[in-house]
Amino acid sequence: MSYGLSFATIASLVVYTYLNHGRQIWAQFRNGQAETPDVHAKIMSKNYKEAPQWWYGILFLLMLILSLVTVLGFPTNFKWWAFLIAVLVSTGFSLPIGIIQAITNVQIGLSVITEFIMGYMQPGKPLALMMFKVYGYITMSQALSFVSDLKFGHYMKIPPRTMFAAQVVATTMASIIQVFTLNFALNHIPDVCTKAQSQHFSCPNGQVFFSASVIWGLIGPQRIFSPGQVYNALFWFFPIGLITPVIFWLAAKRWPASPMKYVNAPLIFGGSALIPPATPLNYLSWGIVGFVFQKYIRGRHFGWWARLNYITSSGLDTGLAFSTLTVFFLFTLNNIAAPKWWGNDVVLTTMDAQDTAVQSQVAPGQFFGPREW
C-alpha cells in the first residue's frame, strides 16, 4: 500500500500543480523580474549586495563534475546518462513539491518514483539504484531546504552573500562530519543497526533503504509490478492519482464556498509516505500536537498563536537538538541506562515495537510470491 500510495502521490502532484497553480507559475516565469518588491526585499536591496547568479552556476557545475567523477571513477554500475536523468528528475519536481511544502509544510518524497524509474532503466544494479535515488530525490529535498533557509535569512535581514557562504561552508563541514560519525558508529557501537542493540540504534531508515535496494534494484520492478506479476494491480494507483485532483478541482469550482477548495490530493496520498519506518505512534503524536497548536490554540488564542507559535516551534526543535546531544554525550557514551519510567518504557510494549502487528507469519521453509522469478 505504501508503494501504491506513492504512485498516486506523484501522479496527483503533477495534475494538482497544473490545475491549481499552472497560471501562477507561468506568470512568474514571464514577469518574475518585473514584480514589485515587498518591504523585506526593499530593505535587503537597499542595505546588502545580492549573491550573484554566477556564484550558484559555478557551484552547480563544480558539483556536477565531482558527481560524474564519483559515478564513473568508482565501480558503481551507474551510467552517466542515468545520472543526468536523476538530476533532471530532481530539478523538474522541485517546483511542484516546493509549492505543496510551502502550503502544507509537508514535503512529498520522490523515493519510490526514483526507485521505479531506475529499476526499469538499469535492472539488477542495487548500488546504482541507491545512487540514482540520492541524486534524484535527496538533491530535490536539499534544494528545498536551502530555499527555506534563504527565505528565513531574507526575513531575518541576513546579508545574502553571508547566507550563501554560510550554507556552502556548513554543508561541506556537515558532509565530512556525517561520514566520520557514521564510520564511528558502525565501528564502535556494539550490535549497531540490529534490533538487539541495547540503546535502540536499530537504523530503521537504513533498513528501509537497504530493503528498497533489494526490491527495486536487485529483483527489479519488472518482476514485481509489471503486467502479470504479483503486484501488478498497484499500477492502478497511477490513474487514481491522475483522476482524483480533477474531481476535487471540479467540486471546488462547482461549490466554491465549500471546504472542497482546501482538499489537497497529493497531501492525502502522500501523508503516509513515512510509513515505513514510521509507526502509528509517530503519526498520532504528530496529529495531537498539530491539532492543539493549529486548531485549538489558533482558534481560541489567535493573538498568541500569531506572535509566538513559530518561535515555540523553533524552540522545541532547538531543545530537541540540545537534549539529543546531552543524552548522547552524558549517557550513551558512558554506558548509563536511560531513566526507567512510563514515558520511556510504554513504547516498548506496543505491537509495533514487539513485531506482533503482523496478521500472519510465514512458516519456516515457506514463502510468499512466485516460486520462480
Protein backbone atom coordinates (compact mmCIF):
# COMPACT_ATOMS: atom_id res chain seq x y z
CA MET A 1 0.00 0.00 0.00
CA SER A 2 2.87 2.37 0.74
CA TYR A 3 4.22 1.91 -2.79
CA GLY A 4 0.78 2.24 -4.36
CA LEU A 5 0.07 5.48 -2.50
CA SER A 6 3.46 6.78 -3.63
CA PHE A 7 2.46 6.12 -7.26
CA ALA A 8 -0.79 8.02 -6.71
CA THR A 9 1.04 10.85 -4.94
CA ILE A 10 3.37 11.60 -7.84
CA ALA A 11 0.59 11.34 -10.43
CA SER A 12 -1.72 13.62 -8.42
CA LEU A 13 1.12 16.07 -7.77
CA VAL A 14 1.57 16.82 -11.47
CA VAL A 15 -2.16 17.26 -12.13
CA TYR A 16 -2.79 19.26 -8.95
CA THR A 17 0.05 21.67 -9.70
CA TYR A 18 -1.17 22.24 -13.25
CA LEU A 19 -4.81 22.79 -12.28
CA ASN A 20 -4.29 24.98 -9.22
CA HIS A 21 -1.01 26.77 -9.84
CA GLY A 22 -0.28 26.47 -13.56
CA ARG A 23 -1.20 30.05 -14.42
CA GLN A 24 0.66 31.43 -11.44
CA ILE A 25 3.83 29.51 -12.34
CA TRP A 26 3.68 30.69 -15.95
CA ALA A 27 3.09 34.29 -14.86
CA GLN A 28 6.07 34.14 -12.51
CA PHE A 29 8.30 32.80 -15.26
CA ARG A 30 7.24 35.61 -17.58
CA ASN A 31 7.13 38.55 -15.17
CA GLY A 32 9.08 37.46 -12.08
CA GLN A 33 11.81 40.06 -12.51
CA ALA A 34 9.29 42.86 -13.03
CA GLU A 35 7.32 42.06 -9.87
CA THR A 36 7.04 44.90 -7.35
CA PRO A 37 9.31 44.11 -4.36
CA ASP A 38 7.74 43.89 -0.92
CA VAL A 39 9.03 45.74 2.14
CA HIS A 40 11.52 42.99 3.01
CA ALA A 41 13.02 42.96 -0.50
CA LYS A 42 13.30 46.75 -0.47
CA ILE A 43 15.20 46.74 2.83
CA MET A 44 17.53 43.95 1.68
CA SER A 45 18.32 45.54 -1.69
CA LYS A 46 18.96 48.90 -0.02
CA ASN A 47 21.42 47.59 2.58
CA TYR A 48 23.09 44.48 1.14
CA LYS A 49 24.53 43.22 -2.13
CA GLU A 50 22.76 40.23 -3.69
CA ALA A 51 24.66 36.98 -4.21
CA PRO A 52 25.35 36.87 -7.98
CA GLN A 53 23.66 34.17 -10.04
CA TRP A 54 27.02 33.07 -11.43
CA TRP A 55 28.06 32.00 -7.91
CA TYR A 56 25.27 29.45 -7.97
CA GLY A 57 26.10 28.48 -11.55
CA ILE A 58 29.76 27.78 -10.76
CA LEU A 59 28.80 25.81 -7.66
CA PHE A 60 26.34 23.73 -9.70
CA LEU A 61 28.93 22.96 -12.40
CA LEU A 62 31.55 22.06 -9.79
CA MET A 63 29.22 19.65 -8.00
CA LEU A 64 28.08 18.19 -11.32
CA ILE A 65 31.69 17.44 -12.29
CA LEU A 66 32.53 15.95 -8.89
CA SER A 67 29.40 13.78 -9.06
CA LEU A 68 30.33 12.49 -12.51
CA VAL A 69 33.81 11.67 -11.20
CA THR A 70 32.21 9.73 -8.34
CA VAL A 71 29.80 7.92 -10.63
CA LEU A 72 32.32 7.00 -13.33
CA GLY A 73 35.51 6.72 -11.29
CA PHE A 74 34.28 4.01 -8.95
CA PRO A 75 32.60 0.62 -9.64
CA THR A 76 29.07 1.90 -9.12
CA ASN A 77 27.45 0.45 -12.30
CA PHE A 78 25.77 3.85 -12.57
CA LYS A 79 25.66 5.09 -16.17
CA TRP A 80 26.41 8.75 -16.86
CA TRP A 81 23.16 9.23 -18.76
CA ALA A 82 21.21 7.79 -15.83
CA PHE A 83 22.93 10.29 -13.54
CA LEU A 84 21.85 13.18 -15.78
CA ILE A 85 18.27 11.85 -15.77
CA ALA A 86 18.39 11.83 -11.96
CA VAL A 87 19.44 15.49 -11.98
CA LEU A 88 16.58 16.32 -14.35
CA VAL A 89 14.08 14.48 -12.11
CA SER A 90 15.16 16.40 -9.02
CA THR A 91 15.11 19.68 -10.94
CA GLY A 92 11.70 19.10 -12.52
CA PHE A 93 9.95 18.11 -9.29
CA SER A 94 11.48 20.81 -7.08
CA LEU A 95 8.88 23.41 -8.08
CA PRO A 96 5.64 21.40 -7.63
CA ILE A 97 6.85 19.76 -4.43
CA GLY A 98 8.05 23.15 -3.18
CA ILE A 99 4.56 24.57 -3.74
CA ILE A 100 2.97 21.77 -1.71
CA GLN A 101 5.55 22.23 1.05
CA ALA A 102 5.00 25.99 1.14
CA ILE A 103 1.25 25.49 1.56
CA THR A 104 1.16 22.49 3.92
CA ASN A 105 4.68 22.22 5.43
CA VAL A 106 4.76 18.61 4.16
CA GLN A 107 7.41 17.60 1.63
CA ILE A 108 6.31 14.99 -0.90
CA GLY A 109 9.06 12.40 -1.34
CA LEU A 110 10.49 11.10 -4.60
CA SER A 111 11.90 7.94 -3.07
CA VAL A 112 9.61 5.40 -4.72
CA ILE A 113 9.33 7.08 -8.12
CA THR A 114 13.13 7.34 -8.44
CA GLU A 115 13.42 3.67 -7.49
CA PHE A 116 10.70 2.87 -10.02
CA ILE A 117 12.44 4.73 -12.85
CA MET A 118 15.90 3.35 -12.15
CA GLY A 119 14.61 -0.16 -11.59
CA TYR A 120 13.39 -0.23 -15.18
CA MET A 121 16.35 1.68 -16.67
CA GLN A 122 19.11 -0.41 -15.06
CA PRO A 123 17.63 -3.60 -13.54
CA GLY A 124 19.79 -5.72 -11.30
CA LYS A 125 22.02 -2.82 -10.14
CA PRO A 126 21.19 -2.10 -6.45
CA LEU A 127 24.15 0.25 -5.85
CA ALA A 128 23.37 2.25 -8.97
CA LEU A 129 19.72 2.42 -7.88
CA MET A 130 20.64 3.84 -4.48
CA MET A 131 22.81 6.49 -6.13
CA PHE A 132 20.04 7.39 -8.57
CA LYS A 133 17.71 7.73 -5.58
CA VAL A 134 20.15 10.05 -3.81
CA TYR A 135 20.71 12.30 -6.84
CA GLY A 136 17.07 12.20 -7.93
CA TYR A 137 15.39 12.61 -4.53
CA ILE A 138 17.81 13.93 -1.90
CA THR A 139 19.02 16.64 -4.28
CA MET A 140 15.47 17.97 -4.51
CA SER A 141 14.99 17.73 -0.75
CA GLN A 142 18.24 19.57 -0.04
CA ALA A 143 17.40 22.22 -2.62
CA LEU A 144 14.09 22.98 -0.90
CA SER A 145 15.81 23.08 2.48
CA PHE A 146 18.30 25.54 1.00
CA VAL A 147 15.48 27.72 -0.35
CA SER A 148 13.77 27.59 3.04
CA ASP A 149 16.96 28.74 4.77
CA LEU A 150 17.42 31.56 2.27
CA LYS A 151 13.85 32.68 2.90
CA PHE A 152 14.41 32.60 6.65
CA GLY A 153 17.61 34.64 6.23
CA HIS A 154 15.72 37.08 4.00
CA TYR A 155 13.14 37.77 6.70
CA MET A 156 15.84 37.96 9.40
CA LYS A 157 17.73 40.51 7.26
CA ILE A 158 20.91 38.44 6.99
CA PRO A 159 23.14 39.56 4.07
CA PRO A 160 22.59 37.27 1.05
CA ARG A 161 26.32 36.76 0.45
CA THR A 162 26.80 35.81 4.08
CA MET A 163 23.93 33.33 3.77
CA PHE A 164 25.47 31.81 0.66
CA ALA A 165 28.89 31.44 2.27
CA ALA A 166 27.42 30.01 5.48
CA GLN A 167 25.41 27.43 3.54
CA VAL A 168 28.40 26.28 1.49
CA VAL A 169 30.75 26.06 4.48
CA ALA A 170 28.17 24.36 6.71
CA THR A 171 27.23 21.83 4.02
CA THR A 172 30.87 20.98 3.38
CA MET A 173 31.59 20.54 7.09
CA ALA A 174 28.41 18.53 7.63
CA SER A 175 29.33 16.14 4.82
CA ILE A 176 32.70 15.38 6.42
CA ILE A 177 31.32 15.14 9.95
CA GLN A 178 28.46 12.84 8.91
CA VAL A 179 30.83 10.39 7.21
CA PHE A 180 33.08 10.43 10.29
CA THR A 181 30.11 9.93 12.62
CA LEU A 182 28.71 7.09 10.53
CA ASN A 183 32.03 5.23 10.46
CA PHE A 184 32.48 5.82 14.20
CA ALA A 185 29.01 4.39 14.93
CA LEU A 186 29.49 1.34 12.71
CA ASN A 187 32.89 0.53 14.21
CA HIS A 188 32.37 1.37 17.89
CA ILE A 189 28.71 0.75 18.81
CA PRO A 190 28.05 -2.93 19.60
CA ASP A 191 25.21 -4.58 17.63
CA VAL A 192 24.52 -1.32 15.79
CA CYS A 193 21.68 -1.48 13.23
CA THR A 194 20.20 -4.60 14.83
CA LYS A 195 17.02 -4.98 16.86
CA ALA A 196 19.06 -6.30 19.80
CA GLN A 197 21.04 -3.05 20.16
CA SER A 198 20.78 -2.02 23.83
CA GLN A 199 20.36 1.72 23.14
CA HIS A 200 17.97 1.08 20.23
CA PHE A 201 20.35 2.20 17.47
CA SER A 202 18.43 -0.07 15.09
CA CYS A 203 18.79 2.14 11.98
CA PRO A 204 15.15 1.98 10.78
CA ASN A 205 15.75 4.35 7.86
CA GLY A 206 18.85 2.43 6.84
CA GLN A 207 16.89 -0.84 6.93
CA VAL A 208 14.21 0.62 4.68
CA PHE A 209 16.86 1.99 2.32
CA PHE A 210 18.52 -1.44 2.10
CA SER A 211 15.21 -3.25 1.57
CA ALA A 212 14.35 -0.83 -1.23
CA SER A 213 17.68 -1.54 -2.94
CA VAL A 214 16.84 -5.25 -2.93
CA ILE A 215 13.22 -4.87 -4.07
CA TRP A 216 13.79 -2.26 -6.77
CA GLY A 217 17.44 -2.78 -7.65
CA LEU A 218 18.24 -6.46 -7.22
CA ILE A 219 14.87 -8.06 -8.00
CA GLY A 220 13.55 -5.19 -10.11
CA PRO A 221 10.08 -3.72 -10.63
CA GLN A 222 9.51 -5.68 -13.84
CA ARG A 223 9.44 -8.90 -11.77
CA ILE A 224 7.06 -7.45 -9.16
CA PHE A 225 4.86 -4.74 -10.65
CA SER A 226 4.77 -5.36 -14.41
CA PRO A 227 1.62 -6.87 -16.02
CA GLY A 228 1.16 -10.47 -14.95
CA GLN A 229 3.33 -10.15 -11.84
CA VAL A 230 2.23 -10.49 -8.21
CA TYR A 231 1.71 -6.77 -7.50
CA ASN A 232 0.72 -5.51 -10.95
CA ALA A 233 -2.56 -4.15 -9.53
CA LEU A 234 -0.60 -1.34 -7.87
CA PHE A 235 -0.26 0.29 -11.29
CA TRP A 236 -3.93 1.29 -10.92
CA PHE A 237 -2.79 3.89 -8.39
CA PHE A 238 -1.32 5.95 -11.23
CA PRO A 239 -4.72 6.64 -12.91
CA ILE A 240 -6.31 7.05 -9.49
CA GLY A 241 -3.76 9.74 -8.72
CA LEU A 242 -4.38 11.44 -12.06
CA ILE A 243 -8.17 11.49 -11.71
CA THR A 244 -8.57 12.41 -8.03
CA PRO A 245 -7.25 16.02 -8.24
CA VAL A 246 -9.52 16.65 -11.23
CA ILE A 247 -12.54 15.52 -9.19
CA PHE A 248 -11.58 17.75 -6.27
CA TRP A 249 -10.89 20.70 -8.61
CA LEU A 250 -14.26 20.36 -10.34
CA ALA A 251 -16.04 20.03 -6.99
CA ALA A 252 -14.34 23.21 -5.74
CA LYS A 253 -15.43 25.03 -8.91
CA ARG A 254 -18.97 23.72 -8.53
CA TRP A 255 -19.23 24.60 -4.82
CA PRO A 256 -16.74 27.46 -4.27
CA ALA A 257 -17.89 28.15 -0.70
CA SER A 258 -17.45 24.54 0.41
CA PRO A 259 -14.37 23.03 2.14
CA MET A 260 -13.52 21.28 -1.14
CA LYS A 261 -11.21 24.17 -2.04
CA TYR A 262 -8.94 23.09 0.80
CA VAL A 263 -8.74 19.42 -0.20
CA ASN A 264 -5.24 18.57 -1.38
CA ALA A 265 -4.93 15.26 -3.24
CA PRO A 266 -1.09 14.96 -3.10
CA LEU A 267 -1.21 15.56 0.64
CA ILE A 268 -3.88 12.88 1.11
CA PHE A 269 -1.94 10.29 -0.87
CA GLY A 270 1.49 11.32 0.38
CA GLY A 271 0.66 11.78 4.05
CA SER A 272 1.63 8.20 4.86
CA ALA A 273 4.92 8.32 2.93
CA LEU A 274 7.00 7.92 6.10
CA ILE A 275 5.42 4.51 6.78
CA PRO A 276 7.69 2.51 6.96
CA PRO A 277 9.72 3.10 9.12
CA ALA A 278 7.31 5.43 10.96
CA THR A 279 4.63 3.80 13.09
CA PRO A 280 1.10 4.85 14.15
CA LEU A 281 2.67 6.18 17.37
CA ASN A 282 4.70 8.71 15.37
CA TYR A 283 1.66 9.85 13.40
CA LEU A 284 -0.56 10.02 16.49
CA SER A 285 1.95 12.23 18.32
CA TRP A 286 2.29 14.46 15.25
CA GLY A 287 -1.51 14.68 14.89
CA ILE A 288 -2.14 15.60 18.53
CA VAL A 289 0.47 18.38 18.55
CA GLY A 290 -0.78 19.70 15.22
CA PHE A 291 -4.40 19.74 16.39
CA VAL A 292 -3.58 21.53 19.64
CA PHE A 293 -1.50 24.30 18.04
CA GLN A 294 -3.06 24.66 14.61
CA LYS A 295 -6.71 24.18 15.55
CA TYR A 296 -7.37 24.72 19.27
CA ILE A 297 -4.86 27.47 20.11
CA ARG A 298 -5.17 29.15 16.70
CA GLY A 299 -8.96 29.28 17.04
CA ARG A 300 -9.18 30.36 20.68
CA HIS A 301 -5.98 32.38 21.21
CA PHE A 302 -5.12 33.71 17.77
CA GLY A 303 -3.03 36.61 19.10
CA TRP A 304 -0.72 34.26 21.00
CA TRP A 305 -0.60 31.88 18.05
CA ALA A 306 0.30 34.61 15.54
CA ARG A 307 3.01 36.05 17.77
CA LEU A 308 4.57 33.01 19.43
CA ASN A 309 3.66 29.82 17.57
CA TYR A 310 6.62 29.94 15.17
CA ILE A 311 9.02 30.82 17.99
CA THR A 312 7.66 27.93 20.06
CA SER A 313 8.21 25.54 17.17
CA SER A 314 11.79 26.74 16.72
CA GLY A 315 12.40 26.49 20.45
CA LEU A 316 11.14 22.90 20.57
CA ASP A 317 13.34 21.96 17.60
CA THR A 318 16.37 23.56 19.24
CA GLY A 319 15.60 21.93 22.56
CA LEU A 320 15.34 18.53 20.89
CA ALA A 321 18.75 19.00 19.25
CA PHE A 322 20.42 20.03 22.52
CA SER A 323 18.75 17.25 24.50
CA THR A 324 19.86 14.69 21.90
CA LEU A 325 23.48 15.83 22.24
CA THR A 326 23.20 15.89 26.03
CA VAL A 327 21.77 12.38 26.24
CA PHE A 328 24.37 11.04 23.81
CA PHE A 329 27.47 12.53 25.45
CA LEU A 330 26.38 12.15 29.09
CA PHE A 331 24.50 8.85 28.99
CA THR A 332 25.18 6.84 25.84
CA LEU A 333 28.96 7.28 25.66
CA ASN A 334 29.25 6.48 29.38
CA ASN A 335 27.01 3.39 29.18
CA ILE A 336 24.46 4.91 31.55
CA ALA A 337 20.98 3.48 31.08
CA ALA A 338 18.07 5.83 30.46
CA PRO A 339 15.76 6.53 33.41
CA LYS A 340 13.10 3.87 33.93
CA TRP A 341 9.67 5.46 33.88
CA TRP A 342 6.40 5.08 31.99
CA GLY A 343 7.19 7.63 29.31
CA ASN A 344 10.36 5.76 28.28
CA ASP A 345 9.04 2.21 28.66
CA VAL A 346 5.49 2.33 27.32
CA VAL A 347 6.61 2.49 23.70
CA LEU A 348 8.38 -0.87 24.10
CA THR A 349 5.05 -2.53 24.96
CA THR A 350 3.36 -1.63 21.68
CA MET A 351 2.70 -4.12 18.91
CA ASP A 352 4.97 -2.18 16.56
CA ALA A 353 7.93 -2.45 18.94
CA GLN A 354 7.31 -6.13 19.61
CA ASP A 355 6.69 -7.03 15.94
CA THR A 356 3.31 -8.57 16.75
CA ALA A 357 1.26 -6.34 14.41
CA VAL A 358 1.65 -8.82 11.53
CA GLN A 359 -1.60 -10.71 10.96
CA SER A 360 0.02 -13.87 9.60
CA GLN A 361 3.51 -15.30 9.76
CA VAL A 362 5.29 -17.29 7.06
CA ALA A 363 6.07 -20.75 8.42
CA PRO A 364 9.70 -21.98 8.40
CA GLY A 365 10.58 -23.22 4.92
CA GLN A 366 7.59 -21.46 3.35
CA PHE A 367 7.44 -18.25 1.35
CA PHE A 368 5.04 -15.95 -0.47
CA GLY A 369 5.19 -14.81 -4.07
CA PRO A 370 6.14 -16.78 -7.18
CA ARG A 371 8.25 -19.91 -6.89
CA GLU A 372 10.45 -18.79 -9.78
CA TRP A 373 11.41 -15.27 -10.92
